[in-house]
């Protein structure tokens, strides 16, 4: 009887681990999916992975629009978890039309609720010095060649 109980326990543990691997329930996986969707330009899908999808979607769209539709290459760095919270280092490299490249590092914060990890939305995810309300536009970027601090010509 104990052999049967042990077999069931091992099988159950294997199923739980396999499910975790397939569903990506850890903070690294959640952060990675967010980064992949944001980098691909699917701001709405990235926003749905946050704890404030409407605010995140508005801010992510406004930021990209304010940077003239810039493309983003976000790279996930170290992810450190402690209990039900985690932080991840992000390297953000924007390619802004007619302006060029702009890059900086940011921090992504995550929180576990039950079995699910979610990005804790904050405007500082987009830019660490952002004090703007969600949806109010992009953080300032460097001036270059007669362009404004928002990256749009003539404004």
C-alpha atoms as a PDB file:
ATOM      1  CA  UNK A   1       0.000   0.000   0.000  1.00  0.00           C
ATOM      2  CA  UNK A   2       2.821   2.477   0.817  1.00  0.00           C
ATOM      3  CA  UNK A   3       4.394   1.770  -2.565  1.00  0.00           C
ATOM      4  CA  UNK A   4       1.128   2.726  -4.254  1.00  0.00           C
ATOM      5  CA  UNK A   5       0.865   5.936  -2.210  1.00  0.00           C
ATOM      6  CA  UNK A   6       4.467   6.796  -3.070  1.00  0.00           C
ATOM      7  CA  UNK A   7       3.825   6.129  -6.770  1.00  0.00           C
ATOM      8  CA  UNK A   8       0.735   8.351  -6.726  1.00  0.00           C
ATOM      9  CA  UNK A   9       2.654  11.107  -4.911  1.00  0.00           C
ATOM     10  CA  UNK A  10       5.527  10.981  -7.404  1.00  0.00           C
ATOM     11  CA  UNK A  11       3.110  10.974 -10.347  1.00  0.00           C
ATOM     12  CA  UNK A  12       1.195  13.911  -8.918  1.00  0.00           C
ATOM     13  CA  UNK A  13       4.397  15.868  -8.247  1.00  0.00           C
ATOM     14  CA  UNK A  14       5.527  15.215 -11.824  1.00  0.00           C
ATOM     15  CA  UNK A  15       2.195  16.401 -13.176  1.00  0.00           C
ATOM     16  CA  UNK A  16       2.372  19.595 -11.110  1.00  0.00           C
ATOM     17  CA  UNK A  17       5.920  20.311 -12.304  1.00  0.00           C
ATOM     18  CA  UNK A  18       4.998  19.574 -15.924  1.00  0.00           C
ATOM     19  CA  UNK A  19       1.957  21.843 -15.673  1.00  0.00           C
ATOM     20  CA  UNK A  20       4.094  24.605 -14.181  1.00  0.00           C
ATOM     21  CA  UNK A  21       6.604  24.286 -17.014  1.00  0.00           C
ATOM     22  CA  UNK A  22       3.852  24.318 -19.640  1.00  0.00           C
ATOM     23  CA  UNK A  23       1.828  27.169 -18.180  1.00  0.00           C
ATOM     24  CA  UNK A  24       4.822  29.301 -17.235  1.00  0.00           C
ATOM     25  CA  UNK A  25       3.746  30.084 -13.708  1.00  0.00           C
ATOM     26  CA  UNK A  26       7.078  31.377 -12.383  1.00  0.00           C
ATOM     27  CA  UNK A  27       8.080  35.047 -12.294  1.00  0.00           C
ATOM     28  CA  UNK A  28      10.755  34.503 -14.953  1.00  0.00           C
ATOM     29  CA  UNK A  29       8.199  33.087 -17.370  1.00  0.00           C
ATOM     30  CA  UNK A  30       5.626  35.809 -16.640  1.00  0.00           C
ATOM     31  CA  UNK A  31       8.241  38.540 -17.105  1.00  0.00           C
ATOM     32  CA  UNK A  32       9.506  36.865 -20.281  1.00  0.00           C
ATOM     33  CA  UNK A  33       6.042  36.739 -21.851  1.00  0.00           C
ATOM     34  CA  UNK A  34       5.416  40.399 -20.973  1.00  0.00           C
ATOM     35  CA  UNK A  35       8.765  41.430 -22.508  1.00  0.00           C
ATOM     36  CA  UNK A  36       8.160  39.355 -25.642  1.00  0.00           C
ATOM     37  CA  UNK A  37       4.697  40.831 -26.244  1.00  0.00           C
ATOM     38  CA  UNK A  38       5.796  44.405 -25.527  1.00  0.00           C
ATOM     39  CA  UNK A  39       8.829  44.016 -27.827  1.00  0.00           C
ATOM     40  CA  UNK A  40       6.681  42.606 -30.620  1.00  0.00           C
ATOM     41  CA  UNK A  41       4.531  45.754 -30.555  1.00  0.00           C
ATOM     42  CA  UNK A  42       1.511  44.019 -29.036  1.00  0.00           C
ATOM     43  CA  UNK A  43       1.025  46.567 -26.261  1.00  0.00           C
ATOM     44  CA  UNK A  44      -2.540  45.370 -25.559  1.00  0.00           C
ATOM     45  CA  UNK A  45      -1.391  41.774 -25.010  1.00  0.00           C
ATOM     46  CA  UNK A  46       1.452  42.934 -22.759  1.00  0.00           C
ATOM     47  CA  UNK A  47      -0.984  45.095 -20.774  1.00  0.00           C
ATOM     48  CA  UNK A  48      -3.290  42.103 -20.176  1.00  0.00           C
ATOM     49  CA  UNK A  49      -0.438  40.487 -18.232  1.00  0.00           C
ATOM     50  CA  UNK A  50      -0.458  43.295 -15.664  1.00  0.00           C
ATOM     51  CA  UNK A  51      -2.535  43.932 -12.568  1.00  0.00           C
ATOM     52  CA  UNK A  52      -3.952  47.094 -14.205  1.00  0.00           C
ATOM     53  CA  UNK A  53      -4.601  46.179 -17.862  1.00  0.00           C
ATOM     54  CA  UNK A  54      -6.514  49.337 -18.840  1.00  0.00           C
ATOM     55  CA  UNK A  55      -3.982  51.757 -17.388  1.00  0.00           C
ATOM     56  CA  UNK A  56      -1.076  49.737 -18.767  1.00  0.00           C
ATOM     57  CA  UNK A  57      -2.596  49.531 -22.258  1.00  0.00           C
ATOM     58  CA  UNK A  58      -3.239  53.280 -22.344  1.00  0.00           C
ATOM     59  CA  UNK A  59       0.292  54.077 -21.166  1.00  0.00           C
ATOM     60  CA  UNK A  60       2.045  51.606 -23.459  1.00  0.00           C
ATOM     61  CA  UNK A  61       0.072  52.835 -26.501  1.00  0.00           C
ATOM     62  CA  UNK A  62       0.633  56.507 -25.622  1.00  0.00           C
ATOM     63  CA  UNK A  63       4.341  55.912 -25.132  1.00  0.00           C
ATOM     64  CA  UNK A  64       4.806  54.177 -28.476  1.00  0.00           C
ATOM     65  CA  UNK A  65       2.635  56.765 -30.260  1.00  0.00           C
ATOM     66  CA  UNK A  66       4.588  59.602 -28.592  1.00  0.00           C
ATOM     67  CA  UNK A  67       7.800  58.061 -29.873  1.00  0.00           C
ATOM     68  CA  UNK A  68       6.488  58.170 -33.462  1.00  0.00           C
ATOM     69  CA  UNK A  69       5.574  54.476 -33.460  1.00  0.00           C
ATOM     70  CA  UNK A  70       9.028  53.388 -32.309  1.00  0.00           C
ATOM     71  CA  UNK A  71       9.965  49.737 -32.217  1.00  0.00           C
ATOM     72  CA  UNK A  72      11.245  48.273 -28.982  1.00  0.00           C
ATOM     73  CA  UNK A  73      13.727  45.583 -28.146  1.00  0.00           C
ATOM     74  CA  UNK A  74      13.270  44.766 -24.470  1.00  0.00           C
ATOM     75  CA  UNK A  75      15.668  42.280 -22.937  1.00  0.00           C
ATOM     76  CA  UNK A  76      14.992  40.531 -19.665  1.00  0.00           C
ATOM     77  CA  UNK A  77      17.869  40.484 -17.206  1.00  0.00           C
ATOM     78  CA  UNK A  78      18.100  39.009 -13.719  1.00  0.00           C
ATOM     79  CA  UNK A  79      14.830  38.058 -12.051  1.00  0.00           C
ATOM     80  CA  UNK A  80      14.888  37.908  -8.271  1.00  0.00           C
ATOM     81  CA  UNK A  81      11.945  36.463  -6.369  1.00  0.00           C
ATOM     82  CA  UNK A  82      11.208  36.735  -2.679  1.00  0.00           C
ATOM     83  CA  UNK A  83       7.995  35.080  -1.543  1.00  0.00           C
ATOM     84  CA  UNK A  84       5.100  36.450  -3.562  1.00  0.00           C
ATOM     85  CA  UNK A  85       7.024  39.320  -5.171  1.00  0.00           C
ATOM     86  CA  UNK A  86       9.764  39.523  -7.770  1.00  0.00           C
ATOM     87  CA  UNK A  87      11.776  42.157  -9.602  1.00  0.00           C
ATOM     88  CA  UNK A  88      13.394  41.891 -13.003  1.00  0.00           C
ATOM     89  CA  UNK A  89      15.946  44.083 -14.711  1.00  0.00           C
ATOM     90  CA  UNK A  90      14.895  45.262 -18.172  1.00  0.00           C
ATOM     91  CA  UNK A  91      17.128  46.653 -20.869  1.00  0.00           C
ATOM     92  CA  UNK A  92      14.980  48.785 -23.193  1.00  0.00           C
ATOM     93  CA  UNK A  93      16.268  49.805 -26.624  1.00  0.00           C
ATOM     94  CA  UNK A  94      13.936  51.928 -28.740  1.00  0.00           C
ATOM     95  CA  UNK A  95      14.341  52.527 -32.479  1.00  0.00           C
ATOM     96  CA  UNK A  96      12.622  55.854 -33.109  1.00  0.00           C
ATOM     97  CA  UNK A  97      11.803  56.748 -36.748  1.00  0.00           C
ATOM     98  CA  UNK A  98      13.917  59.623 -38.104  1.00  0.00           C
ATOM     99  CA  UNK A  99      15.667  59.936 -34.734  1.00  0.00           C
ATOM    100  CA  UNK A 100      17.534  56.701 -34.140  1.00  0.00           C
ATOM    101  CA  UNK A 101      18.243  54.642 -31.087  1.00  0.00           C
ATOM    102  CA  UNK A 102      17.523  55.383 -27.452  1.00  0.00           C
ATOM    103  CA  UNK A 103      18.159  52.986 -24.625  1.00  0.00           C
ATOM    104  CA  UNK A 104      18.018  52.716 -20.867  1.00  0.00           C
ATOM    105  CA  UNK A 105      17.399  50.189 -18.107  1.00  0.00           C
ATOM    106  CA  UNK A 106      14.230  49.800 -16.107  1.00  0.00           C
ATOM    107  CA  UNK A 107      12.759  47.524 -13.453  1.00  0.00           C
ATOM    108  CA  UNK A 108       9.774  45.240 -13.835  1.00  0.00           C
ATOM    109  CA  UNK A 109       7.927  44.320 -10.645  1.00  0.00           C
ATOM    110  CA  UNK A 110       5.786  41.219 -10.338  1.00  0.00           C
ATOM    111  CA  UNK A 111       3.433  39.807  -7.727  1.00  0.00           C
ATOM    112  CA  UNK A 112       2.015  36.319  -7.283  1.00  0.00           C
ATOM    113  CA  UNK A 113      -1.678  35.992  -6.617  1.00  0.00           C
ATOM    114  CA  UNK A 114      -2.584  32.362  -6.024  1.00  0.00           C
ATOM    115  CA  UNK A 115      -0.737  30.381  -8.665  1.00  0.00           C
ATOM    116  CA  UNK A 116      -0.455  33.264 -11.132  1.00  0.00           C
ATOM    117  CA  UNK A 117       2.315  35.837 -11.516  1.00  0.00           C
ATOM    118  CA  UNK A 118       1.338  39.292 -12.818  1.00  0.00           C
ATOM    119  CA  UNK A 119       3.316  42.381 -13.707  1.00  0.00           C
ATOM    120  CA  UNK A 120       2.630  45.124 -11.158  1.00  0.00           C
ATOM    121  CA  UNK A 121       1.840  48.029 -13.431  1.00  0.00           C
ATOM    122  CA  UNK A 122       3.691  51.293 -12.924  1.00  0.00           C
ATOM    123  CA  UNK A 123       4.627  54.081 -15.355  1.00  0.00           C
ATOM    124  CA  UNK A 124       8.212  53.511 -14.152  1.00  0.00           C
ATOM    125  CA  UNK A 125       8.142  50.224 -16.069  1.00  0.00           C
ATOM    126  CA  UNK A 126       8.216  52.285 -19.268  1.00  0.00           C
ATOM    127  CA  UNK A 127      10.851  54.669 -17.937  1.00  0.00           C
ATOM    128  CA  UNK A 128      12.360  54.724 -14.431  1.00  0.00           C
ATOM    129  CA  UNK A 129      12.042  58.513 -14.134  1.00  0.00           C
ATOM    130  CA  UNK A 130       8.449  58.675 -15.299  1.00  0.00           C
ATOM    131  CA  UNK A 131       6.163  60.590 -12.987  1.00  0.00           C
ATOM    132  CA  UNK A 132       3.397  60.790 -15.523  1.00  0.00           C
ATOM    133  CA  UNK A 133      -0.084  59.466 -15.060  1.00  0.00           C
ATOM    134  CA  UNK A 134      -0.790  56.303 -17.060  1.00  0.00           C
ATOM    135  CA  UNK A 135      -1.800  57.220 -20.592  1.00  0.00           C
ATOM    136  CA  UNK A 136      -0.371  60.748 -20.435  1.00  0.00           C
ATOM    137  CA  UNK A 137       2.334  60.136 -23.021  1.00  0.00           C
ATOM    138  CA  UNK A 138       5.937  59.032 -23.266  1.00  0.00           C
ATOM    139  CA  UNK A 139       8.754  59.930 -20.949  1.00  0.00           C
ATOM    140  CA  UNK A 140      11.155  62.529 -22.320  1.00  0.00           C
ATOM    141  CA  UNK A 141      13.894  61.322 -24.622  1.00  0.00           C
ATOM    142  CA  UNK A 142      17.064  63.162 -25.616  1.00  0.00           C
ATOM    143  CA  UNK A 143      16.840  66.096 -28.034  1.00  0.00           C
ATOM    144  CA  UNK A 144      18.469  65.558 -31.387  1.00  0.00           C
ATOM    145  CA  UNK A 145      18.615  67.477 -34.630  1.00  0.00           C
ATOM    146  CA  UNK A 146      15.749  69.909 -34.031  1.00  0.00           C
ATOM    147  CA  UNK A 147      13.387  67.378 -32.520  1.00  0.00           C
ATOM    148  CA  UNK A 148      11.416  67.888 -29.349  1.00  0.00           C
ATOM    149  CA  UNK A 149      12.013  66.019 -26.100  1.00  0.00           C
ATOM    150  CA  UNK A 150       9.130  63.652 -26.893  1.00  0.00           C
ATOM    151  CA  UNK A 151      10.777  62.477 -30.091  1.00  0.00           C
ATOM    152  CA  UNK A 152       8.295  64.140 -32.442  1.00  0.00           C
ATOM    153  CA  UNK A 153       9.440  66.664 -35.001  1.00  0.00           C
ATOM    154  CA  UNK A 154       8.131  70.179 -34.882  1.00  0.00           C
ATOM    155  CA  UNK A 155       6.292  69.960 -31.565  1.00  0.00           C
END
